[in-house]
Amino acid sequence: MLTGLGNIISLAFSVVVFTTVMVSEALADNADYIQSGDEALQQGRGLWLENCEGCHGYGIADAPIPMQAGDWKHRVIKEREVLYRHAIEGFIGEDYSMMPARGGNEELNDDQVKAAVDYMLFLANFYIKQQDN
């Protein structure tokens, strides 16, 4: 019985992963996720879409959404090294929101995490500027 249940759980997990990948690929063209002519930001965008967008695109687990200026105005003024450290090491906010270390992907190296953070800051600053105009 446990083996049958294990197979069902494994199949369900596979379906969730497949669905997440398909949705992420479809959203890669989402106009809200602006692109940059800067190659490093484009690499960060790809990493962000693959590893961060699942939470930060929808506010899952109270993740701040970069397209919502109010979520980011107080974050973009912090030292970048603080934001990098929170993304690399993980962080629990004052409101008990939680950022898992490396977005939950331990295979990402520090430079990859920083590139994704850089893109998210670029995206947040774009929407903050839009709101302010």
C-alpha atoms as a PDB file:
ATOM      1  CA  MET A   1       0.000   0.000   0.000  1.00  0.00           C
ATOM      2  CA  LEU A   2       2.783   2.436   0.904  1.00  0.00           C
ATOM      3  CA  THR A   3       4.469   1.756  -2.440  1.00  0.00           C
ATOM      4  CA  GLY A   4       1.229   2.614  -4.269  1.00  0.00           C
ATOM      5  CA  LEU A   5       0.886   5.798  -2.222  1.00  0.00           C
ATOM      6  CA  GLY A   6       4.519   6.647  -2.951  1.00  0.00           C
ATOM      7  CA  ASN A   7       3.873   6.258  -6.675  1.00  0.00           C
ATOM      8  CA  ILE A   8       0.819   8.516  -6.471  1.00  0.00           C
ATOM      9  CA  ILE A   9       2.792  11.161  -4.573  1.00  0.00           C
ATOM     10  CA  SER A  10       5.645  10.908  -7.071  1.00  0.00           C
ATOM     11  CA  LEU A  11       3.232  11.263  -9.996  1.00  0.00           C
ATOM     12  CA  ALA A  12       1.481  14.227  -8.368  1.00  0.00           C
ATOM     13  CA  PHE A  13       4.834  15.926  -7.752  1.00  0.00           C
ATOM     14  CA  SER A  14       5.834  15.339 -11.384  1.00  0.00           C
ATOM     15  CA  VAL A  15       2.583  16.918 -12.586  1.00  0.00           C
ATOM     16  CA  VAL A  16       3.143  19.963 -10.359  1.00  0.00           C
ATOM     17  CA  VAL A  17       6.726  20.375 -11.587  1.00  0.00           C
ATOM     18  CA  PHE A  18       5.679  19.981 -15.230  1.00  0.00           C
ATOM     19  CA  THR A  19       2.843  22.476 -14.823  1.00  0.00           C
ATOM     20  CA  THR A  20       5.135  24.971 -13.094  1.00  0.00           C
ATOM     21  CA  VAL A  21       7.690  24.699 -15.897  1.00  0.00           C
ATOM     22  CA  MET A  22       5.024  25.139 -18.583  1.00  0.00           C
ATOM     23  CA  VAL A  23       3.495  28.162 -16.829  1.00  0.00           C
ATOM     24  CA  SER A  24       6.947  29.697 -16.279  1.00  0.00           C
ATOM     25  CA  GLU A  25       7.815  29.260 -19.942  1.00  0.00           C
ATOM     26  CA  ALA A  26       4.539  30.865 -20.973  1.00  0.00           C
ATOM     27  CA  LEU A  27       5.099  33.756 -18.588  1.00  0.00           C
ATOM     28  CA  ALA A  28       8.630  34.387 -19.839  1.00  0.00           C
ATOM     29  CA  ASP A  29       7.003  36.527 -22.525  1.00  0.00           C
ATOM     30  CA  ASN A  30       4.837  38.336 -19.954  1.00  0.00           C
ATOM     31  CA  ALA A  31       5.012  42.050 -20.768  1.00  0.00           C
ATOM     32  CA  ASP A  32       5.105  42.859 -17.031  1.00  0.00           C
ATOM     33  CA  TYR A  33       8.567  41.279 -16.856  1.00  0.00           C
ATOM     34  CA  ILE A  34      10.307  43.961 -18.852  1.00  0.00           C
ATOM     35  CA  GLN A  35      13.516  43.211 -20.643  1.00  0.00           C
ATOM     36  CA  SER A  36      16.721  45.177 -20.673  1.00  0.00           C
ATOM     37  CA  GLY A  37      19.356  45.712 -23.311  1.00  0.00           C
ATOM     38  CA  ASP A  38      21.939  44.973 -20.615  1.00  0.00           C
ATOM     39  CA  GLU A  39      23.243  41.409 -21.005  1.00  0.00           C
ATOM     40  CA  ALA A  40      23.776  40.889 -17.255  1.00  0.00           C
ATOM     41  CA  LEU A  41      20.199  41.974 -16.523  1.00  0.00           C
ATOM     42  CA  GLN A  42      18.920  39.652 -19.231  1.00  0.00           C
ATOM     43  CA  GLN A  43      20.794  36.755 -17.608  1.00  0.00           C
ATOM     44  CA  GLY A  44      19.355  37.816 -14.254  1.00  0.00           C
ATOM     45  CA  ARG A  45      15.891  37.890 -15.824  1.00  0.00           C
ATOM     46  CA  GLY A  46      16.279  34.293 -16.985  1.00  0.00           C
ATOM     47  CA  LEU A  47      17.435  33.202 -13.534  1.00  0.00           C
ATOM     48  CA  TRP A  48      14.607  35.170 -11.917  1.00  0.00           C
ATOM     49  CA  LEU A  49      12.016  33.548 -14.178  1.00  0.00           C
ATOM     50  CA  GLU A  50      13.386  30.074 -13.447  1.00  0.00           C
ATOM     51  CA  ASN A  51      13.855  30.456  -9.700  1.00  0.00           C
ATOM     52  CA  CYS A  52      12.081  33.498  -8.245  1.00  0.00           C
ATOM     53  CA  GLU A  53       9.038  34.332 -10.343  1.00  0.00           C
ATOM     54  CA  GLY A  54       7.011  31.476  -8.886  1.00  0.00           C
ATOM     55  CA  CYS A  55       6.793  33.319  -5.563  1.00  0.00           C
ATOM     56  CA  HIS A  56       7.710  36.925  -6.397  1.00  0.00           C
ATOM     57  CA  GLY A  57       5.409  37.026  -9.412  1.00  0.00           C
ATOM     58  CA  TYR A  58       2.335  36.203  -7.330  1.00  0.00           C
ATOM     59  CA  GLY A  59       3.132  37.052  -3.709  1.00  0.00           C
ATOM     60  CA  ILE A  60       3.357  33.408  -2.620  1.00  0.00           C
ATOM     61  CA  ALA A  61       4.401  33.202   1.062  1.00  0.00           C
ATOM     62  CA  ASP A  62       4.192  37.021   1.214  1.00  0.00           C
ATOM     63  CA  ALA A  63       7.001  37.423  -1.332  1.00  0.00           C
ATOM     64  CA  PRO A  64       7.136  41.072  -2.407  1.00  0.00           C
ATOM     65  CA  ILE A  65       6.024  41.521  -6.017  1.00  0.00           C
ATOM     66  CA  PRO A  66       8.370  43.809  -7.987  1.00  0.00           C
ATOM     67  CA  MET A  67       5.533  45.052 -10.218  1.00  0.00           C
ATOM     68  CA  GLN A  68       3.832  46.487  -7.114  1.00  0.00           C
ATOM     69  CA  ALA A  69       5.756  49.630  -6.239  1.00  0.00           C
ATOM     70  CA  GLY A  70       4.466  49.682  -2.657  1.00  0.00           C
ATOM     71  CA  ASP A  71       6.062  46.304  -1.992  1.00  0.00           C
ATOM     72  CA  TRP A  72       9.460  47.617  -3.044  1.00  0.00           C
ATOM     73  CA  LYS A  73       9.852  51.333  -2.262  1.00  0.00           C
ATOM     74  CA  HIS A  74      11.356  50.580   1.147  1.00  0.00           C
ATOM     75  CA  ARG A  75      13.455  47.710  -0.225  1.00  0.00           C
ATOM     76  CA  VAL A  76      15.194  49.423  -3.154  1.00  0.00           C
ATOM     77  CA  ILE A  77      16.711  52.020  -0.814  1.00  0.00           C
ATOM     78  CA  LYS A  78      18.528  49.345   1.191  1.00  0.00           C
ATOM     79  CA  GLU A  79      22.142  48.600   0.484  1.00  0.00           C
ATOM     80  CA  ARG A  80      22.362  46.071  -2.301  1.00  0.00           C
ATOM     81  CA  GLU A  81      24.673  43.890  -0.193  1.00  0.00           C
ATOM     82  CA  VAL A  82      21.877  43.514   2.391  1.00  0.00           C
ATOM     83  CA  LEU A  83      19.454  42.339  -0.289  1.00  0.00           C
ATOM     84  CA  TYR A  84      22.056  39.967  -1.693  1.00  0.00           C
ATOM     85  CA  ARG A  85      22.702  38.532   1.777  1.00  0.00           C
ATOM     86  CA  HIS A  86      18.973  38.026   2.412  1.00  0.00           C
ATOM     87  CA  ALA A  87      18.598  36.211  -0.911  1.00  0.00           C
ATOM     88  CA  ILE A  88      21.735  34.078  -0.454  1.00  0.00           C
ATOM     89  CA  GLU A  89      21.389  33.201   3.233  1.00  0.00           C
ATOM     90  CA  GLY A  90      17.624  33.416   3.598  1.00  0.00           C
ATOM     91  CA  PHE A  91      15.656  35.862   5.682  1.00  0.00           C
ATOM     92  CA  ILE A  92      12.637  36.097   7.953  1.00  0.00           C
ATOM     93  CA  GLY A  93      11.013  39.528   7.830  1.00  0.00           C
ATOM     94  CA  GLU A  94       9.439  41.519  10.633  1.00  0.00           C
ATOM     95  CA  ASP A  95       6.040  40.379   9.351  1.00  0.00           C
ATOM     96  CA  TYR A  96       7.278  36.756   9.444  1.00  0.00           C
ATOM     97  CA  SER A  97       7.465  36.524   5.672  1.00  0.00           C
ATOM     98  CA  MET A  98      10.225  34.131   4.702  1.00  0.00           C
ATOM     99  CA  MET A  99      12.806  34.200   1.946  1.00  0.00           C
ATOM    100  CA  PRO A 100      14.425  30.779   1.664  1.00  0.00           C
ATOM    101  CA  ALA A 101      18.176  30.690   1.082  1.00  0.00           C
ATOM    102  CA  ARG A 102      18.915  30.893  -2.642  1.00  0.00           C
ATOM    103  CA  GLY A 103      15.191  30.904  -3.334  1.00  0.00           C
ATOM    104  CA  GLY A 104      15.133  27.271  -2.319  1.00  0.00           C
ATOM    105  CA  ASN A 105      17.578  26.250  -5.070  1.00  0.00           C
ATOM    106  CA  GLU A 106      20.863  25.309  -3.401  1.00  0.00           C
ATOM    107  CA  GLU A 107      22.423  24.754  -6.844  1.00  0.00           C
ATOM    108  CA  LEU A 108      22.502  28.491  -7.531  1.00  0.00           C
ATOM    109  CA  ASN A 109      25.860  30.101  -6.846  1.00  0.00           C
ATOM    110  CA  ASP A 110      26.217  33.544  -5.257  1.00  0.00           C
ATOM    111  CA  ASP A 111      26.696  35.308  -8.594  1.00  0.00           C
ATOM    112  CA  GLN A 112      23.524  33.756 -10.000  1.00  0.00           C
ATOM    113  CA  VAL A 113      21.507  34.804  -6.951  1.00  0.00           C
ATOM    114  CA  LYS A 114      22.929  38.323  -7.198  1.00  0.00           C
ATOM    115  CA  ALA A 115      22.029  38.479 -10.908  1.00  0.00           C
ATOM    116  CA  ALA A 116      18.430  37.503 -10.118  1.00  0.00           C
ATOM    117  CA  VAL A 117      18.308  40.127  -7.338  1.00  0.00           C
ATOM    118  CA  ASP A 118      19.712  42.735  -9.726  1.00  0.00           C
ATOM    119  CA  TYR A 119      16.963  41.964 -12.226  1.00  0.00           C
ATOM    120  CA  MET A 120      14.279  42.111  -9.549  1.00  0.00           C
ATOM    121  CA  LEU A 121      15.591  45.505  -8.409  1.00  0.00           C
ATOM    122  CA  PHE A 122      15.628  46.694 -12.028  1.00  0.00           C
ATOM    123  CA  LEU A 123      12.024  45.535 -12.404  1.00  0.00           C
ATOM    124  CA  ALA A 124      10.922  47.091  -9.100  1.00  0.00           C
ATOM    125  CA  ASN A 125      12.617  50.413  -9.908  1.00  0.00           C
ATOM    126  CA  PHE A 126      10.889  50.473 -13.301  1.00  0.00           C
ATOM    127  CA  TYR A 127       7.464  50.137 -11.649  1.00  0.00           C
ATOM    128  CA  ILE A 128       8.297  52.601  -8.876  1.00  0.00           C
ATOM    129  CA  LYS A 129       9.312  55.154 -11.504  1.00  0.00           C
ATOM    130  CA  GLN A 130       6.108  54.478 -13.464  1.00  0.00           C
ATOM    131  CA  GLN A 131       3.993  55.027 -10.363  1.00  0.00           C
ATOM    132  CA  ASP A 132       5.807  58.222  -9.467  1.00  0.00           C
ATOM    133  CA  ASN A 133       5.274  59.736 -12.936  1.00  0.00           C
END
